Protein backbone atom coordinates (compact mmCIF):
# COMPACT_ATOMS: atom_id res chain seq x y z
CA MET A 1 47.15 -27.46 6.31
CA ARG A 2 43.67 -26.03 6.84
CA LYS A 3 44.74 -22.89 4.99
CA TYR A 4 45.95 -24.87 1.97
CA ALA A 5 42.85 -27.12 2.01
CA SER A 6 40.60 -24.04 1.93
CA ILE A 7 42.55 -22.61 -1.02
CA LEU A 8 42.35 -25.92 -2.91
CA LEU A 9 38.58 -26.23 -2.30
CA ALA A 10 37.96 -22.67 -3.52
CA ALA A 11 39.99 -23.28 -6.67
CA THR A 12 38.01 -26.45 -7.42
CA ILE A 13 34.67 -24.65 -7.06
CA ALA A 14 35.85 -21.80 -9.29
CA ALA A 15 37.06 -24.18 -12.01
CA THR A 16 33.74 -26.02 -11.98
CA ALA A 17 31.79 -22.77 -12.29
CA VAL A 18 33.58 -21.68 -15.47
CA MET A 19 33.52 -25.07 -17.25
CA PRO A 20 31.39 -24.93 -20.45
CA ALA A 21 28.16 -26.92 -20.48
CA THR A 22 28.60 -30.27 -22.22
CA SER A 23 26.03 -31.37 -24.77
CA ALA A 24 24.19 -34.61 -23.99
CA SER A 25 25.06 -35.73 -27.51
CA ALA A 26 28.70 -35.93 -26.45
CA PHE A 27 27.69 -38.73 -24.11
CA PRO A 28 25.04 -40.87 -25.85
CA GLY A 29 24.33 -42.83 -22.70
CA ALA A 30 23.95 -39.83 -20.48
CA VAL A 31 20.61 -38.63 -19.07
CA THR A 32 19.98 -34.90 -18.88
CA GLY A 33 18.40 -33.26 -15.86
CA SER A 34 15.06 -32.78 -17.63
CA GLN A 35 15.09 -36.38 -18.82
CA ALA A 36 15.84 -37.67 -15.36
CA ALA A 37 12.78 -35.89 -13.99
CA THR A 38 10.29 -38.22 -15.61
CA THR A 39 10.31 -40.69 -18.48
CA SER A 40 6.97 -39.36 -19.76
CA ASP A 41 8.58 -35.98 -20.48
CA VAL A 42 10.99 -37.64 -22.88
CA THR A 43 8.15 -39.41 -24.65
CA LEU A 44 6.18 -36.19 -24.90
CA VAL A 45 9.09 -34.40 -26.58
CA VAL A 46 9.36 -37.18 -29.17
CA GLN A 47 5.62 -37.05 -29.87
CA GLN A 48 5.71 -33.30 -30.36
CA SER A 49 8.56 -33.50 -32.86
CA LYS A 50 6.72 -36.17 -34.84
CA LYS A 51 3.73 -33.92 -35.24
CA GLN A 52 5.58 -31.20 -37.13
CA VAL A 53 4.33 -30.85 -40.72
CA ALA A 54 6.73 -29.48 -43.32
CA GLN A 55 5.95 -25.90 -44.32
CA LYS A 56 5.33 -26.82 -47.96
CA PHE A 57 2.46 -29.10 -46.92
CA LYS A 58 0.57 -26.40 -45.07
CA ARG A 59 -2.55 -25.00 -46.72
CA THR A 60 -1.89 -22.09 -49.05
CA LYS A 61 -3.22 -20.36 -52.15
CA VAL A 62 -1.20 -20.88 -55.31
CA ARG A 63 -1.07 -19.62 -58.88
CA PHE A 64 -2.42 -22.59 -60.78
CA VAL A 65 -3.02 -23.17 -64.48
CA THR A 66 -5.24 -26.12 -65.48
CA ASP A 67 -7.72 -27.29 -68.07
CA GLN A 68 -10.08 -28.41 -65.28
CA ALA A 69 -13.14 -26.37 -64.34
CA PRO A 70 -13.41 -24.36 -61.09
CA GLY A 71 -14.65 -26.57 -58.28
CA THR A 72 -12.63 -29.59 -59.43
CA VAL A 73 -10.33 -31.37 -56.98
CA ILE A 74 -6.97 -32.54 -58.36
CA VAL A 75 -4.96 -34.99 -56.25
CA ASP A 76 -1.26 -35.17 -57.14
CA THR A 77 -0.19 -38.30 -55.28
CA ASN A 78 3.37 -38.07 -56.60
CA ASN A 79 4.04 -34.70 -54.97
CA LYS A 80 1.60 -35.17 -52.05
CA PHE A 81 -0.63 -32.20 -52.87
CA LEU A 82 -4.39 -31.79 -53.28
CA TYR A 83 -5.69 -28.77 -55.21
CA TYR A 84 -9.13 -27.20 -55.11
CA VAL A 85 -9.43 -25.32 -58.41
CA GLU A 86 -10.84 -21.81 -57.98
CA GLY A 87 -10.58 -20.41 -61.50
CA ASN A 88 -8.73 -17.29 -62.67
CA ASN A 89 -5.52 -19.33 -62.55
CA LYS A 90 -5.78 -19.86 -58.80
CA ALA A 91 -6.22 -22.82 -56.48
CA THR A 92 -5.98 -23.75 -52.83
CA ARG A 93 -3.23 -26.30 -52.21
CA TYR A 94 -3.29 -28.74 -49.31
CA GLY A 95 -0.65 -31.22 -48.15
CA ILE A 96 -1.77 -34.86 -48.09
CA GLY A 97 -0.69 -38.37 -47.17
CA VAL A 98 -1.21 -41.07 -49.79
CA GLY A 99 -1.11 -44.83 -50.37
CA ARG A 100 2.05 -46.71 -49.55
CA ASP A 101 3.77 -48.94 -52.10
CA GLY A 102 1.25 -51.26 -53.71
CA PHE A 103 -1.73 -49.14 -52.65
CA GLY A 104 -1.39 -46.17 -55.01
CA TRP A 105 -4.01 -45.59 -57.69
CA SER A 106 -5.27 -43.08 -60.26
CA GLY A 107 -8.53 -42.22 -61.99
CA VAL A 108 -11.42 -39.79 -62.24
CA VAL A 109 -14.09 -40.15 -59.56
CA LYS A 110 -16.73 -38.04 -57.80
CA VAL A 111 -17.63 -37.20 -54.24
CA GLY A 112 -20.55 -39.59 -53.67
CA ARG A 113 -21.34 -38.57 -50.12
CA LYS A 114 -19.88 -36.70 -47.16
CA ALA A 115 -19.84 -37.25 -43.42
CA GLU A 116 -18.78 -35.33 -40.33
CA TRP A 117 -16.87 -37.33 -37.71
CA PRO A 118 -17.53 -40.50 -39.75
CA SER A 119 -17.51 -44.04 -38.45
CA TRP A 120 -14.86 -46.35 -39.90
CA THR A 121 -15.63 -49.74 -41.41
CA PRO A 122 -12.32 -51.35 -42.40
CA PRO A 123 -12.69 -53.70 -45.41
CA ALA A 124 -12.61 -57.42 -44.66
CA GLU A 125 -9.31 -57.84 -46.54
CA MET A 126 -7.75 -55.14 -44.36
CA ARG A 127 -8.92 -56.84 -41.18
CA GLN A 128 -7.49 -60.13 -42.43
CA ARG A 129 -4.21 -58.52 -43.44
CA GLU A 130 -3.78 -56.78 -40.11
CA ALA A 131 -4.82 -59.88 -38.16
CA LYS A 132 -1.83 -61.71 -39.65
CA LYS A 133 0.34 -59.02 -38.06
CA GLY A 134 -1.37 -59.54 -34.71
CA ARG A 135 -3.51 -56.39 -34.91
CA ILE A 136 -7.24 -56.94 -34.51
CA LEU A 137 -9.33 -54.22 -36.18
CA PRO A 138 -12.97 -53.56 -35.24
CA VAL A 139 -15.76 -54.34 -37.68
CA VAL A 140 -16.98 -50.78 -37.14
CA GLN A 141 -15.40 -47.95 -35.16
CA GLU A 142 -17.62 -45.02 -34.27
CA GLY A 143 -16.55 -41.50 -35.16
CA GLY A 144 -14.39 -39.51 -32.80
CA GLU A 145 -10.96 -38.02 -32.25
CA ASP A 146 -9.30 -41.45 -32.21
CA ASN A 147 -11.03 -42.60 -35.41
CA PRO A 148 -8.63 -43.11 -38.38
CA LEU A 149 -10.97 -41.09 -40.66
CA GLY A 150 -10.60 -37.98 -38.54
CA ALA A 151 -13.02 -35.05 -38.54
CA ARG A 152 -14.50 -35.35 -42.05
CA ALA A 153 -14.70 -37.81 -44.93
CA LEU A 154 -15.52 -37.38 -48.60
CA TYR A 155 -16.46 -40.75 -50.09
CA LEU A 156 -15.21 -41.29 -53.63
CA TYR A 157 -17.54 -42.97 -56.12
CA LYS A 158 -17.10 -44.22 -59.67
CA GLY A 159 -20.12 -44.90 -61.88
CA GLY A 160 -22.40 -44.52 -58.86
CA ARG A 161 -20.51 -47.14 -56.83
CA ASP A 162 -18.32 -46.67 -53.77
CA THR A 163 -14.63 -47.15 -54.64
CA ILE A 164 -13.84 -47.73 -50.89
CA PHE A 165 -11.36 -44.82 -51.17
CA ARG A 166 -11.91 -41.61 -49.23
CA ILE A 167 -10.47 -38.17 -48.74
CA HIS A 168 -10.46 -37.90 -44.97
CA GLY A 169 -8.86 -36.35 -41.92
CA THR A 170 -6.30 -38.00 -39.71
CA ASN A 171 -5.32 -38.05 -36.05
CA GLN A 172 -1.72 -38.62 -37.19
CA PRO A 173 -0.80 -35.27 -38.78
CA TRP A 174 2.87 -36.27 -38.98
CA THR A 175 1.92 -38.69 -41.81
CA ILE A 176 1.14 -35.76 -44.14
CA GLY A 177 3.66 -35.85 -46.99
CA GLN A 178 4.17 -39.60 -46.52
CA ASN A 179 3.14 -42.81 -48.29
CA MET A 180 1.33 -44.38 -45.34
CA SER A 181 -2.28 -45.25 -46.20
CA SER A 182 -4.07 -48.15 -47.86
CA GLY A 183 -5.07 -45.94 -50.78
CA CYS A 184 -7.11 -43.21 -49.09
CA ILE A 185 -6.10 -39.55 -49.22
CA ARG A 186 -5.24 -38.15 -45.78
CA MET A 187 -5.45 -34.51 -44.79
CA MET A 188 -4.92 -32.65 -41.55
CA ASN A 189 -8.26 -32.31 -39.77
CA LYS A 190 -8.36 -28.52 -40.11
CA ASP A 191 -7.68 -28.89 -43.85
CA VAL A 192 -10.27 -31.58 -44.53
CA GLU A 193 -12.84 -29.44 -42.68
CA HIS A 194 -11.92 -26.53 -44.98
CA LEU A 195 -12.22 -28.68 -48.13
CA TYR A 196 -15.43 -30.30 -46.85
CA SER A 197 -17.11 -26.90 -46.69
CA ARG A 198 -16.27 -26.23 -50.35
CA ALA A 199 -16.48 -29.55 -52.20
CA ASP A 200 -20.11 -30.64 -52.53
CA VAL A 201 -21.49 -34.07 -53.39
CA GLY A 202 -20.92 -34.52 -57.11
CA THR A 203 -17.55 -32.74 -57.12
CA LYS A 204 -15.17 -34.13 -59.75
CA VAL A 205 -11.98 -35.55 -58.27
CA VAL A 206 -9.00 -36.26 -60.53
CA VAL A 207 -6.44 -38.55 -58.88
CA VAL A 208 -3.05 -38.47 -60.61
CA GLY A 209 -0.98 -41.48 -59.65
CA PRO A 210 0.26 -44.92 -60.68
CA GLY A 211 -1.27 -46.22 -63.90
CA ASN A 212 -2.19 -42.75 -65.22
CA ARG A 213 -5.84 -43.78 -65.43
CA GLN A 214 -6.85 -40.16 -64.93
CA GLY A 215 -6.19 -39.63 -68.65
CA ALA A 216 -4.94 -36.38 -70.15
CA VAL A 217 -5.09 -33.74 -67.43
CA SER A 218 -3.14 -30.50 -67.61
CA TYR A 219 -2.14 -28.56 -64.50
CA ASN A 220 0.78 -26.43 -63.46
CA ASP A 221 1.48 -25.23 -59.93
CA LYS A 222 3.30 -21.91 -60.37
CA GLY A 223 3.94 -21.33 -56.70
CA VAL A 224 2.47 -19.37 -53.82
CA ASP A 225 -0.07 -16.67 -54.66
CA PHE A 226 1.24 -13.92 -52.39
CA PHE A 227 -1.67 -11.52 -52.82
CA GLY A 228 -4.24 -14.33 -52.60
CA ASN A 229 -2.85 -15.34 -49.22
CA LEU A 230 -2.55 -11.72 -48.11
CA PHE A 231 -6.12 -10.70 -48.91
CA GLY A 232 -7.79 -14.11 -48.72
CA PHE A 233 -9.84 -13.85 -51.92
CA GLY A 234 -11.08 -16.96 -53.70
CA GLY A 235 -12.42 -18.75 -50.60
């Protein structure tokens, strides 16, 4: 009996060793070894996947034909791109996040002022709106990594008056390419820092969006400028 028991045990071990690994997806309720180690690891994996930005929204130089002068910023809210016009049929294209339904807008404005690591003063109507959802916003939040305006802000003015809209950074890079904001134009922090260094106070900003209040504006994105990206000319 001991001889047969030893043979049976050896056969069982061998069969287990050659069994193919089973995907966790085959058992939705199952917990993998790495998941069992700590719940925080699972959360961290989810957070990392959220922060991936689609390749098309990463900063790049493009071949760009427009009737706007070099130094102009064109914001295409429909396709979630912001262009800094460089002339010679070239532009730098950045991915952006824009206003959610009911918060989109269009028009021609200017950069009225700029700020590094700006403080955030949510409008009274925003505080009231969020309070109804049970979220209490501060009257003023000082600048920093957890500030919704991110690393830089370009304040958009019309006729010398603040429109309350901004082009700013974000600490939620996964929102790039989405309709998530209350009308402001979001950029990844590294991108808004890049734009900030190029767009001075007084820069013309054309926002193409709902209502077509930007008027007749011609522009055509002809795709990635291979040599511009390779050699880095144009800023």
